[in-house]
């Protein structure tokens, strides 16, 4: 016997996580599409538009929302916006531009391990031993991608591999801080819907980047053609709409449905989709090591889901006995 409502939430939460990963994976392609612009400009353009889109969507409901948003809420939104959006995207863009898509994806692939480890310390979380198989599979998958990155032509396109690696590691730390902080903030702020929290995050992020973008434009002395500016605007708008508005909304909804230990595993889908987009961009099929990595990632998520379902079933069995 099962708790149908709980299993329904589990399935719905996983579906939201997969959707968020599919949309977030696009951000790994964006730096390749507009390589003539700096990471500061990429972050500024994306997030100023994210803020404008969010402002337009939140305006009809602002009178109601304004009564529930306190100074403490704005403080939380601002540091989460900086860690998970502004700083993360600047670091990620720098990592992709200097180290390449694959090596960056490898480092970011360790996010699930870090978030799951932190989540395992939460009250009522699954014991670490039950999460260990999925974590080991995640590490195996990341190792396969890393081995492939070091032994193929992909690494040769890197401009500054060491600097790219450092940026990727810093991005990993920044987004881990965001993932854990955002998940716990949503638990405390249950009076906000996932959609409203996303729009408020957009307002905070847009405000930060309205200062960053003019500075980035002043610092960049590279001349750009009208065509390059058009591409910059289109890519920034697409990433703002799809990854920031769409992806963040799905991610926040997932956070309300799943425990942090399972939230960590859902980040793997961003890695999977970013690799798929990378293959399409490079016009090639995955190698044996990359295919093995895919298998490890999928199996790891399935094991983690199974571990989270077992306690529910066992608890029901004990209550019937």
C-alpha atoms as a PDB file:
ATOM      1  CA  UNK A   1       0.000   0.000   0.000  1.00  0.00           C
ATOM      2  CA  UNK A   2       1.136   3.586  -0.649  1.00  0.00           C
ATOM      3  CA  UNK A   3       0.191   7.142   0.149  1.00  0.00           C
ATOM      4  CA  UNK A   4      -1.099   8.195  -3.305  1.00  0.00           C
ATOM      5  CA  UNK A   5      -0.898  11.916  -2.542  1.00  0.00           C
ATOM      6  CA  UNK A   6       2.745  11.681  -1.460  1.00  0.00           C
ATOM      7  CA  UNK A   7       3.703   9.635  -4.505  1.00  0.00           C
ATOM      8  CA  UNK A   8       1.836  12.089  -6.708  1.00  0.00           C
ATOM      9  CA  UNK A   9       3.907  14.930  -5.201  1.00  0.00           C
ATOM     10  CA  UNK A  10       7.065  12.890  -5.785  1.00  0.00           C
ATOM     11  CA  UNK A  11       6.230  12.385  -9.466  1.00  0.00           C
ATOM     12  CA  UNK A  12       5.154  15.983  -9.935  1.00  0.00           C
ATOM     13  CA  UNK A  13       8.290  17.262  -8.224  1.00  0.00           C
ATOM     14  CA  UNK A  14      10.540  15.088 -10.397  1.00  0.00           C
ATOM     15  CA  UNK A  15       8.737  16.286 -13.543  1.00  0.00           C
ATOM     16  CA  UNK A  16       9.339  19.903 -12.463  1.00  0.00           C
ATOM     17  CA  UNK A  17      13.010  19.100 -11.842  1.00  0.00           C
ATOM     18  CA  UNK A  18      13.409  17.577 -15.310  1.00  0.00           C
ATOM     19  CA  UNK A  19      11.729  20.602 -16.903  1.00  0.00           C
ATOM     20  CA  UNK A  20      13.962  23.013 -15.000  1.00  0.00           C
ATOM     21  CA  UNK A  21      17.046  21.060 -16.068  1.00  0.00           C
ATOM     22  CA  UNK A  22      15.995  21.152 -19.723  1.00  0.00           C
ATOM     23  CA  UNK A  23      15.605  24.933 -19.613  1.00  0.00           C
ATOM     24  CA  UNK A  24      18.680  25.614 -17.478  1.00  0.00           C
ATOM     25  CA  UNK A  25      20.867  23.508 -19.729  1.00  0.00           C
ATOM     26  CA  UNK A  26      20.490  26.227 -22.358  1.00  0.00           C
ATOM     27  CA  UNK A  27      22.659  28.620 -20.325  1.00  0.00           C
ATOM     28  CA  UNK A  28      25.745  26.547 -21.186  1.00  0.00           C
ATOM     29  CA  UNK A  29      25.190  27.328 -24.872  1.00  0.00           C
ATOM     30  CA  UNK A  30      24.592  31.053 -24.469  1.00  0.00           C
ATOM     31  CA  UNK A  31      28.283  32.005 -23.957  1.00  0.00           C
ATOM     32  CA  UNK A  32      29.148  30.137 -27.175  1.00  0.00           C
ATOM     33  CA  UNK A  33      26.443  31.977 -29.127  1.00  0.00           C
ATOM     34  CA  UNK A  34      27.635  35.439 -28.089  1.00  0.00           C
ATOM     35  CA  UNK A  35      31.371  34.905 -27.539  1.00  0.00           C
ATOM     36  CA  UNK A  36      32.181  38.503 -28.546  1.00  0.00           C
ATOM     37  CA  UNK A  37      30.681  39.787 -25.306  1.00  0.00           C
ATOM     38  CA  UNK A  38      32.120  39.595 -21.820  1.00  0.00           C
ATOM     39  CA  UNK A  39      30.642  37.466 -19.000  1.00  0.00           C
ATOM     40  CA  UNK A  40      29.672  40.687 -17.208  1.00  0.00           C
ATOM     41  CA  UNK A  41      27.687  41.821 -20.246  1.00  0.00           C
ATOM     42  CA  UNK A  42      26.064  38.408 -20.621  1.00  0.00           C
ATOM     43  CA  UNK A  43      24.941  38.378 -16.992  1.00  0.00           C
ATOM     44  CA  UNK A  44      23.817  42.004 -17.109  1.00  0.00           C
ATOM     45  CA  UNK A  45      21.798  41.602 -20.305  1.00  0.00           C
ATOM     46  CA  UNK A  46      20.100  38.393 -19.183  1.00  0.00           C
ATOM     47  CA  UNK A  47      19.171  39.573 -15.717  1.00  0.00           C
ATOM     48  CA  UNK A  48      18.086  43.103 -16.565  1.00  0.00           C
ATOM     49  CA  UNK A  49      15.590  41.515 -18.961  1.00  0.00           C
ATOM     50  CA  UNK A  50      14.642  38.940 -16.309  1.00  0.00           C
ATOM     51  CA  UNK A  51      13.890  41.827 -13.952  1.00  0.00           C
ATOM     52  CA  UNK A  52      11.829  43.674 -16.567  1.00  0.00           C
ATOM     53  CA  UNK A  53       9.810  40.577 -17.467  1.00  0.00           C
ATOM     54  CA  UNK A  54       9.241  39.860 -13.773  1.00  0.00           C
ATOM     55  CA  UNK A  55       8.158  43.452 -13.091  1.00  0.00           C
ATOM     56  CA  UNK A  56       5.611  43.300 -15.907  1.00  0.00           C
ATOM     57  CA  UNK A  57       4.188  40.025 -14.596  1.00  0.00           C
ATOM     58  CA  UNK A  58       4.120  41.002 -10.921  1.00  0.00           C
ATOM     59  CA  UNK A  59       2.616  44.476 -11.466  1.00  0.00           C
ATOM     60  CA  UNK A  60      -1.066  43.372 -11.462  1.00  0.00           C
ATOM     61  CA  UNK A  61      -0.590  41.602  -8.116  1.00  0.00           C
ATOM     62  CA  UNK A  62       1.851  43.993  -6.465  1.00  0.00           C
ATOM     63  CA  UNK A  63      -0.727  45.601  -4.175  1.00  0.00           C
ATOM     64  CA  UNK A  64      -1.440  42.203  -2.602  1.00  0.00           C
ATOM     65  CA  UNK A  65       2.178  40.977  -2.562  1.00  0.00           C
ATOM     66  CA  UNK A  66       3.585  44.175  -1.089  1.00  0.00           C
ATOM     67  CA  UNK A  67       1.853  43.459   2.239  1.00  0.00           C
ATOM     68  CA  UNK A  68       3.720  40.150   2.639  1.00  0.00           C
ATOM     69  CA  UNK A  69       7.205  41.254   1.548  1.00  0.00           C
ATOM     70  CA  UNK A  70       9.265  42.418   4.531  1.00  0.00           C
ATOM     71  CA  UNK A  71      12.778  43.865   4.722  1.00  0.00           C
ATOM     72  CA  UNK A  72      14.001  40.444   5.822  1.00  0.00           C
ATOM     73  CA  UNK A  73      12.375  38.929   2.722  1.00  0.00           C
ATOM     74  CA  UNK A  74      14.164  41.424   0.463  1.00  0.00           C
ATOM     75  CA  UNK A  75      17.472  40.657   2.180  1.00  0.00           C
ATOM     76  CA  UNK A  76      16.952  36.921   1.555  1.00  0.00           C
ATOM     77  CA  UNK A  77      15.930  37.534  -2.054  1.00  0.00           C
ATOM     78  CA  UNK A  78      18.959  39.734  -2.709  1.00  0.00           C
ATOM     79  CA  UNK A  79      21.626  37.368  -1.425  1.00  0.00           C
ATOM     80  CA  UNK A  80      19.955  34.413  -3.129  1.00  0.00           C
ATOM     81  CA  UNK A  81      19.766  36.406  -6.370  1.00  0.00           C
ATOM     82  CA  UNK A  82      23.444  37.282  -6.157  1.00  0.00           C
ATOM     83  CA  UNK A  83      24.638  33.753  -5.325  1.00  0.00           C
ATOM     84  CA  UNK A  84      22.344  31.847  -7.679  1.00  0.00           C
ATOM     85  CA  UNK A  85      22.008  34.304 -10.542  1.00  0.00           C
ATOM     86  CA  UNK A  86      24.439  37.215 -10.857  1.00  0.00           C
ATOM     87  CA  UNK A  87      27.659  35.697  -9.453  1.00  0.00           C
ATOM     88  CA  UNK A  88      26.888  32.179 -10.714  1.00  0.00           C
ATOM     89  CA  UNK A  89      26.227  33.232 -14.306  1.00  0.00           C
ATOM     90  CA  UNK A  90      29.303  35.465 -14.496  1.00  0.00           C
ATOM     91  CA  UNK A  91      31.455  32.606 -13.205  1.00  0.00           C
ATOM     92  CA  UNK A  92      29.747  30.040 -15.441  1.00  0.00           C
ATOM     93  CA  UNK A  93      30.127  32.208 -18.551  1.00  0.00           C
ATOM     94  CA  UNK A  94      33.805  32.762 -17.732  1.00  0.00           C
ATOM     95  CA  UNK A  95      34.299  29.012 -17.243  1.00  0.00           C
ATOM     96  CA  UNK A  96      32.655  28.135 -20.583  1.00  0.00           C
ATOM     97  CA  UNK A  97      34.533  30.840 -22.507  1.00  0.00           C
ATOM     98  CA  UNK A  98      37.916  29.903 -21.035  1.00  0.00           C
ATOM     99  CA  UNK A  99      37.598  26.191 -20.328  1.00  0.00           C
ATOM    100  CA  UNK A 100      34.920  24.918 -22.720  1.00  0.00           C
ATOM    101  CA  UNK A 101      31.421  23.458 -22.270  1.00  0.00           C
ATOM    102  CA  UNK A 102      32.473  19.916 -21.349  1.00  0.00           C
ATOM    103  CA  UNK A 103      34.977  20.699 -18.603  1.00  0.00           C
ATOM    104  CA  UNK A 104      32.571  23.237 -17.112  1.00  0.00           C
ATOM    105  CA  UNK A 105      29.766  20.687 -17.194  1.00  0.00           C
ATOM    106  CA  UNK A 106      32.039  18.225 -15.390  1.00  0.00           C
ATOM    107  CA  UNK A 107      32.651  20.558 -12.455  1.00  0.00           C
ATOM    108  CA  UNK A 108      29.036  21.708 -12.225  1.00  0.00           C
ATOM    109  CA  UNK A 109      28.112  18.006 -12.287  1.00  0.00           C
ATOM    110  CA  UNK A 110      29.308  17.756  -8.686  1.00  0.00           C
ATOM    111  CA  UNK A 111      26.451  20.013  -7.531  1.00  0.00           C
ATOM    112  CA  UNK A 112      24.115  17.077  -6.761  1.00  0.00           C
ATOM    113  CA  UNK A 113      26.706  15.514  -4.473  1.00  0.00           C
ATOM    114  CA  UNK A 114      27.263  18.695  -2.463  1.00  0.00           C
ATOM    115  CA  UNK A 115      23.564  19.568  -2.156  1.00  0.00           C
ATOM    116  CA  UNK A 116      22.625  15.981  -1.245  1.00  0.00           C
ATOM    117  CA  UNK A 117      25.357  15.860   1.409  1.00  0.00           C
ATOM    118  CA  UNK A 118      24.080  19.099   2.959  1.00  0.00           C
ATOM    119  CA  UNK A 119      20.476  17.877   2.747  1.00  0.00           C
ATOM    120  CA  UNK A 120      21.355  14.621   4.500  1.00  0.00           C
ATOM    121  CA  UNK A 121      22.040  16.644   7.668  1.00  0.00           C
ATOM    122  CA  UNK A 122      18.497  18.068   7.764  1.00  0.00           C
ATOM    123  CA  UNK A 123      16.097  16.874  10.419  1.00  0.00           C
ATOM    124  CA  UNK A 124      14.137  13.848   9.209  1.00  0.00           C
ATOM    125  CA  UNK A 125      16.361  13.354   6.150  1.00  0.00           C
ATOM    126  CA  UNK A 126      17.257   9.899   4.884  1.00  0.00           C
ATOM    127  CA  UNK A 127      20.384   8.351   6.453  1.00  0.00           C
ATOM    128  CA  UNK A 128      23.522   8.959   4.429  1.00  0.00           C
ATOM    129  CA  UNK A 129      24.012   5.214   3.816  1.00  0.00           C
ATOM    130  CA  UNK A 130      20.748   5.104   1.848  1.00  0.00           C
ATOM    131  CA  UNK A 131      21.923   7.996  -0.347  1.00  0.00           C
ATOM    132  CA  UNK A 132      25.435   6.619  -0.871  1.00  0.00           C
ATOM    133  CA  UNK A 133      24.669   4.421  -3.944  1.00  0.00           C
ATOM    134  CA  UNK A 134      23.172   7.331  -5.890  1.00  0.00           C
ATOM    135  CA  UNK A 135      26.028   9.634  -4.846  1.00  0.00           C
ATOM    136  CA  UNK A 136      28.630   7.105  -5.994  1.00  0.00           C
ATOM    137  CA  UNK A 137      26.886   6.755  -9.349  1.00  0.00           C
ATOM    138  CA  UNK A 138      26.826  10.533  -9.694  1.00  0.00           C
ATOM    139  CA  UNK A 139      30.571  10.681  -9.003  1.00  0.00           C
ATOM    140  CA  UNK A 140      31.183   7.873 -11.518  1.00  0.00           C
ATOM    141  CA  UNK A 141      29.238   9.767 -14.175  1.00  0.00           C
ATOM    142  CA  UNK A 142      31.160  12.968 -13.488  1.00  0.00           C
ATOM    143  CA  UNK A 143      34.414  11.014 -13.615  1.00  0.00           C
ATOM    144  CA  UNK A 144      33.509   9.607 -17.043  1.00  0.00           C
ATOM    145  CA  UNK A 145      32.863  13.090 -18.408  1.00  0.00           C
ATOM    146  CA  UNK A 146      36.112  14.324 -16.890  1.00  0.00           C
ATOM    147  CA  UNK A 147      38.140  11.506 -18.420  1.00  0.00           C
ATOM    148  CA  UNK A 148      36.537  12.199 -21.789  1.00  0.00           C
ATOM    149  CA  UNK A 149      37.255  15.929 -21.532  1.00  0.00           C
ATOM    150  CA  UNK A 150      40.925  15.254 -20.873  1.00  0.00           C
ATOM    151  CA  UNK A 151      41.355  12.771 -23.720  1.00  0.00           C
ATOM    152  CA  UNK A 152      39.513  14.350 -26.656  1.00  0.00           C
ATOM    153  CA  UNK A 153      39.695  17.395 -28.897  1.00  0.00           C
ATOM    154  CA  UNK A 154      37.150  19.222 -26.752  1.00  0.00           C
ATOM    155  CA  UNK A 155      39.791  20.450 -24.364  1.00  0.00           C
ATOM    156  CA  UNK A 156      41.915  21.905 -27.170  1.00  0.00           C
ATOM    157  CA  UNK A 157      39.402  24.701 -27.811  1.00  0.00           C
ATOM    158  CA  UNK A 158      39.851  26.033 -24.286  1.00  0.00           C
ATOM    159  CA  UNK A 159      41.418  29.492 -24.131  1.00  0.00           C
ATOM    160  CA  UNK A 160      42.690  29.351 -20.535  1.00  0.00           C
ATOM    161  CA  UNK A 161      41.901  25.933 -19.014  1.00  0.00           C
ATOM    162  CA  UNK A 162      43.184  26.660 -15.493  1.00  0.00           C
ATOM    163  CA  UNK A 163      41.296  29.954 -15.187  1.00  0.00           C
ATOM    164  CA  UNK A 164      38.195  28.271 -16.618  1.00  0.00           C
ATOM    165  CA  UNK A 165      38.494  25.491 -14.039  1.00  0.00           C
ATOM    166  CA  UNK A 166      38.810  27.990 -11.180  1.00  0.00           C
ATOM    167  CA  UNK A 167      35.723  29.862 -12.411  1.00  0.00           C
ATOM    168  CA  UNK A 168      33.792  26.589 -12.655  1.00  0.00           C
ATOM    169  CA  UNK A 169      34.734  25.613  -9.077  1.00  0.00           C
ATOM    170  CA  UNK A 170      33.699  29.063  -7.816  1.00  0.00           C
ATOM    171  CA  UNK A 171      30.401  28.723  -9.728  1.00  0.00           C
ATOM    172  CA  UNK A 172      29.905  25.326  -8.094  1.00  0.00           C
ATOM    173  CA  UNK A 173      30.280  26.841  -4.627  1.00  0.00           C
ATOM    174  CA  UNK A 174      28.074  29.824  -5.415  1.00  0.00           C
ATOM    175  CA  UNK A 175      25.196  27.731  -6.746  1.00  0.00           C
ATOM    176  CA  UNK A 176      25.425  25.169  -3.937  1.00  0.00           C
ATOM    177  CA  UNK A 177      24.944  28.042  -1.501  1.00  0.00           C
ATOM    178  CA  UNK A 178      21.939  29.196  -3.528  1.00  0.00           C
ATOM    179  CA  UNK A 179      20.353  25.745  -3.897  1.00  0.00           C
ATOM    180  CA  UNK A 180      20.462  25.043  -0.173  1.00  0.00           C
ATOM    181  CA  UNK A 181      19.476  28.579   0.860  1.00  0.00           C
ATOM    182  CA  UNK A 182      16.609  28.811  -1.626  1.00  0.00           C
ATOM    183  CA  UNK A 183      15.187  25.433  -0.630  1.00  0.00           C
ATOM    184  CA  UNK A 184      15.164  26.406   3.043  1.00  0.00           C
ATOM    185  CA  UNK A 185      13.809  29.887   2.314  1.00  0.00           C
ATOM    186  CA  UNK A 186      10.843  28.375   0.459  1.00  0.00           C
ATOM    187  CA  UNK A 187      10.085  26.226   3.507  1.00  0.00           C
ATOM    188  CA  UNK A 188      10.050  29.325   5.718  1.00  0.00           C
ATOM    189  CA  UNK A 189       8.165  31.470   3.184  1.00  0.00           C
ATOM    190  CA  UNK A 190       5.268  29.113   2.463  1.00  0.00           C
ATOM    191  CA  UNK A 191       2.856  32.052   2.078  1.00  0.00           C
ATOM    192  CA  UNK A 192       4.554  32.751  -1.291  1.00  0.00           C
ATOM    193  CA  UNK A 193       3.763  30.560  -4.274  1.00  0.00           C
ATOM    194  CA  UNK A 194       6.677  29.219  -6.336  1.00  0.00           C
ATOM    195  CA  UNK A 195       5.663  31.603  -9.137  1.00  0.00           C
ATOM    196  CA  UNK A 196       5.536  34.683  -6.879  1.00  0.00           C
ATOM    197  CA  UNK A 197       8.890  33.801  -5.299  1.00  0.00           C
ATOM    198  CA  UNK A 198      10.399  33.525  -8.783  1.00  0.00           C
ATOM    199  CA  UNK A 199       9.057  36.937  -9.808  1.00  0.00           C
ATOM    200  CA  UNK A 200      10.307  38.568  -6.602  1.00  0.00           C
ATOM    201  CA  UNK A 201      13.703  36.968  -7.218  1.00  0.00           C
ATOM    202  CA  UNK A 202      13.568  38.480 -10.700  1.00  0.00           C
ATOM    203  CA  UNK A 203      12.977  41.947  -9.263  1.00  0.00           C
ATOM    204  CA  UNK A 204      15.967  41.606  -6.925  1.00  0.00           C
ATOM    205  CA  UNK A 205      18.192  40.199  -9.670  1.00  0.00           C
ATOM    206  CA  UNK A 206      17.134  42.880 -12.153  1.00  0.00           C
ATOM    207  CA  UNK A 207      17.895  45.646  -9.651  1.00  0.00           C
ATOM    208  CA  UNK A 208      21.407  44.270  -9.063  1.00  0.00           C
ATOM    209  CA  UNK A 209      22.142  44.009 -12.768  1.00  0.00           C
ATOM    210  CA  UNK A 210      20.767  47.432 -13.649  1.00  0.00           C
ATOM    211  CA  UNK A 211      23.967  48.614 -11.933  1.00  0.00           C
ATOM    212  CA  UNK A 212      26.160  45.855 -13.389  1.00  0.00           C
ATOM    213  CA  UNK A 213      25.181  46.211 -17.070  1.00  0.00           C
ATOM    214  CA  UNK A 214      26.200  49.897 -17.555  1.00  0.00           C
ATOM    215  CA  UNK A 215      29.501  49.134 -15.806  1.00  0.00           C
ATOM    216  CA  UNK A 216      30.070  46.108 -18.052  1.00  0.00           C
ATOM    217  CA  UNK A 217      29.380  48.159 -21.183  1.00  0.00           C
ATOM    218  CA  UNK A 218      31.806  50.875 -20.076  1.00  0.00           C
ATOM    219  CA  UNK A 219      34.580  48.346 -19.330  1.00  0.00           C
ATOM    220  CA  UNK A 220      34.219  46.573 -22.694  1.00  0.00           C
ATOM    221  CA  UNK A 221      36.189  48.480 -25.339  1.00  0.00           C
ATOM    222  CA  UNK A 222      35.635  45.871 -28.078  1.00  0.00           C
ATOM    223  CA  UNK A 223      33.667  47.258 -31.060  1.00  0.00           C
ATOM    224  CA  UNK A 224      30.509  45.290 -31.916  1.00  0.00           C
ATOM    225  CA  UNK A 225      28.516  45.261 -35.136  1.00  0.00           C
ATOM    226  CA  UNK A 226      24.749  45.748 -35.288  1.00  0.00           C
ATOM    227  CA  UNK A 227      24.377  42.050 -36.016  1.00  0.00           C
ATOM    228  CA  UNK A 228      26.323  41.149 -32.869  1.00  0.00           C
ATOM    229  CA  UNK A 229      24.193  43.496 -30.759  1.00  0.00           C
ATOM    230  CA  UNK A 230      21.059  41.934 -32.240  1.00  0.00           C
ATOM    231  CA  UNK A 231      22.290  38.442 -31.357  1.00  0.00           C
ATOM    232  CA  UNK A 232      23.187  39.636 -27.856  1.00  0.00           C
ATOM    233  CA  UNK A 233      19.673  40.998 -27.325  1.00  0.00           C
ATOM    234  CA  UNK A 234      17.978  37.885 -28.715  1.00  0.00           C
ATOM    235  CA  UNK A 235      20.101  35.418 -26.719  1.00  0.00           C
ATOM    236  CA  UNK A 236      19.717  37.485 -23.528  1.00  0.00           C
ATOM    237  CA  UNK A 237      15.933  37.643 -23.960  1.00  0.00           C
ATOM    238  CA  UNK A 238      15.664  33.924 -24.730  1.00  0.00           C
ATOM    239  CA  UNK A 239      17.735  32.916 -21.700  1.00  0.00           C
ATOM    240  CA  UNK A 240      15.840  35.359 -19.456  1.00  0.00           C
ATOM    241  CA  UNK A 241      12.458  33.968 -20.535  1.00  0.00           C
ATOM    242  CA  UNK A 242      13.287  30.277 -20.758  1.00  0.00           C
ATOM    243  CA  UNK A 243      15.966  29.702 -18.114  1.00  0.00           C
ATOM    244  CA  UNK A 244      15.234  32.461 -15.586  1.00  0.00           C
ATOM    245  CA  UNK A 245      11.454  32.778 -15.684  1.00  0.00           C
ATOM    246  CA  UNK A 246      10.544  29.272 -16.823  1.00  0.00           C
ATOM    247  CA  UNK A 247      13.362  27.236 -15.290  1.00  0.00           C
ATOM    248  CA  UNK A 248      13.350  29.048 -11.938  1.00  0.00           C
ATOM    249  CA  UNK A 249       9.562  28.721 -11.606  1.00  0.00           C
ATOM    250  CA  UNK A 250       9.752  24.955 -12.150  1.00  0.00           C
ATOM    251  CA  UNK A 251      12.708  24.678  -9.764  1.00  0.00           C
ATOM    252  CA  UNK A 252      10.924  26.594  -6.998  1.00  0.00           C
ATOM    253  CA  UNK A 253       7.817  24.438  -7.399  1.00  0.00           C
ATOM    254  CA  UNK A 254       9.975  21.331  -7.196  1.00  0.00           C
ATOM    255  CA  UNK A 255      11.562  22.639  -3.979  1.00  0.00           C
ATOM    256  CA  UNK A 256       8.097  22.781  -2.420  1.00  0.00           C
ATOM    257  CA  UNK A 257       7.405  19.147  -3.345  1.00  0.00           C
ATOM    258  CA  UNK A 258      10.688  17.313  -2.700  1.00  0.00           C
ATOM    259  CA  UNK A 259      13.145  16.995   0.229  1.00  0.00           C
ATOM    260  CA  UNK A 260      16.568  18.618  -0.163  1.00  0.00           C
ATOM    261  CA  UNK A 261      18.293  15.220  -0.491  1.00  0.00           C
ATOM    262  CA  UNK A 262      16.231  14.527  -3.633  1.00  0.00           C
ATOM    263  CA  UNK A 263      16.455  18.145  -4.831  1.00  0.00           C
ATOM    264  CA  UNK A 264      20.215  17.629  -5.095  1.00  0.00           C
ATOM    265  CA  UNK A 265      19.750  14.739  -7.503  1.00  0.00           C
ATOM    266  CA  UNK A 266      17.437  16.779  -9.736  1.00  0.00           C
ATOM    267  CA  UNK A 267      20.333  19.126 -10.579  1.00  0.00           C
ATOM    268  CA  UNK A 268      21.752  16.248 -12.616  1.00  0.00           C
ATOM    269  CA  UNK A 269      19.182  16.930 -15.327  1.00  0.00           C
ATOM    270  CA  UNK A 270      20.749  20.315 -15.998  1.00  0.00           C
ATOM    271  CA  UNK A 271      24.024  18.465 -16.602  1.00  0.00           C
ATOM    272  CA  UNK A 272      22.373  15.926 -18.893  1.00  0.00           C
ATOM    273  CA  UNK A 273      20.593  18.513 -20.999  1.00  0.00           C
ATOM    274  CA  UNK A 274      23.618  20.805 -21.190  1.00  0.00           C
ATOM    275  CA  UNK A 275      25.648  17.868 -22.524  1.00  0.00           C
ATOM    276  CA  UNK A 276      22.949  17.097 -25.104  1.00  0.00           C
ATOM    277  CA  UNK A 277      22.937  20.714 -26.248  1.00  0.00           C
ATOM    278  CA  UNK A 278      26.731  20.601 -26.354  1.00  0.00           C
ATOM    279  CA  UNK A 279      26.630  17.531 -28.625  1.00  0.00           C
ATOM    280  CA  UNK A 280      24.205  19.312 -30.947  1.00  0.00           C
ATOM    281  CA  UNK A 281      26.414  22.407 -30.981  1.00  0.00           C
ATOM    282  CA  UNK A 282      29.528  20.331 -31.728  1.00  0.00           C
ATOM    283  CA  UNK A 283      27.527  18.170 -34.204  1.00  0.00           C
ATOM    284  CA  UNK A 284      28.635  14.842 -32.792  1.00  0.00           C
ATOM    285  CA  UNK A 285      27.305  11.790 -30.955  1.00  0.00           C
ATOM    286  CA  UNK A 286      28.284  10.961 -27.371  1.00  0.00           C
ATOM    287  CA  UNK A 287      31.335   8.773 -26.913  1.00  0.00           C
ATOM    288  CA  UNK A 288      31.311   5.553 -24.912  1.00  0.00           C
ATOM    289  CA  UNK A 289      32.450   7.331 -21.756  1.00  0.00           C
ATOM    290  CA  UNK A 290      29.788  10.015 -22.162  1.00  0.00           C
ATOM    291  CA  UNK A 291      27.079   7.407 -22.771  1.00  0.00           C
ATOM    292  CA  UNK A 292      28.227   5.583 -19.633  1.00  0.00           C
ATOM    293  CA  UNK A 293      28.007   8.873 -17.739  1.00  0.00           C
ATOM    294  CA  UNK A 294      24.421   9.307 -18.923  1.00  0.00           C
ATOM    295  CA  UNK A 295      23.565   5.820 -17.687  1.00  0.00           C
ATOM    296  CA  UNK A 296      25.165   6.450 -14.289  1.00  0.00           C
ATOM    297  CA  UNK A 297      23.289   9.733 -13.871  1.00  0.00           C
ATOM    298  CA  UNK A 298      19.898   8.242 -14.744  1.00  0.00           C
ATOM    299  CA  UNK A 299      20.449   5.173 -12.554  1.00  0.00           C
ATOM    300  CA  UNK A 300      21.649   7.364  -9.694  1.00  0.00           C
ATOM    301  CA  UNK A 301      18.475   9.472  -9.813  1.00  0.00           C
ATOM    302  CA  UNK A 302      16.288   6.338  -9.961  1.00  0.00           C
ATOM    303  CA  UNK A 303      18.058   4.878  -6.909  1.00  0.00           C
ATOM    304  CA  UNK A 304      17.613   8.140  -5.019  1.00  0.00           C
ATOM    305  CA  UNK A 305      13.902   8.232  -5.874  1.00  0.00           C
ATOM    306  CA  UNK A 306      13.557   4.604  -4.768  1.00  0.00           C
ATOM    307  CA  UNK A 307      15.293   5.384  -1.466  1.00  0.00           C
ATOM    308  CA  UNK A 308      12.822   8.200  -0.824  1.00  0.00           C
ATOM    309  CA  UNK A 309       9.815   5.999  -1.613  1.00  0.00           C
ATOM    310  CA  UNK A 310      10.816   3.067   0.592  1.00  0.00           C
ATOM    311  CA  UNK A 311      10.393   4.765   3.992  1.00  0.00           C
ATOM    312  CA  UNK A 312       6.849   5.786   3.084  1.00  0.00           C
ATOM    313  CA  UNK A 313       5.898   2.237   2.107  1.00  0.00           C
ATOM    314  CA  UNK A 314       7.556   0.730   5.177  1.00  0.00           C
ATOM    315  CA  UNK A 315       5.864   3.213   7.486  1.00  0.00           C
ATOM    316  CA  UNK A 316       2.445   2.312   6.096  1.00  0.00           C
ATOM    317  CA  UNK A 317       3.232  -1.386   6.509  1.00  0.00           C
ATOM    318  CA  UNK A 318       4.150  -0.888  10.164  1.00  0.00           C
ATOM    319  CA  UNK A 319       0.978   1.073  10.833  1.00  0.00           C
ATOM    320  CA  UNK A 320      -1.162  -1.717   9.314  1.00  0.00           C
ATOM    321  CA  UNK A 321       0.683  -4.398  11.291  1.00  0.00           C
END
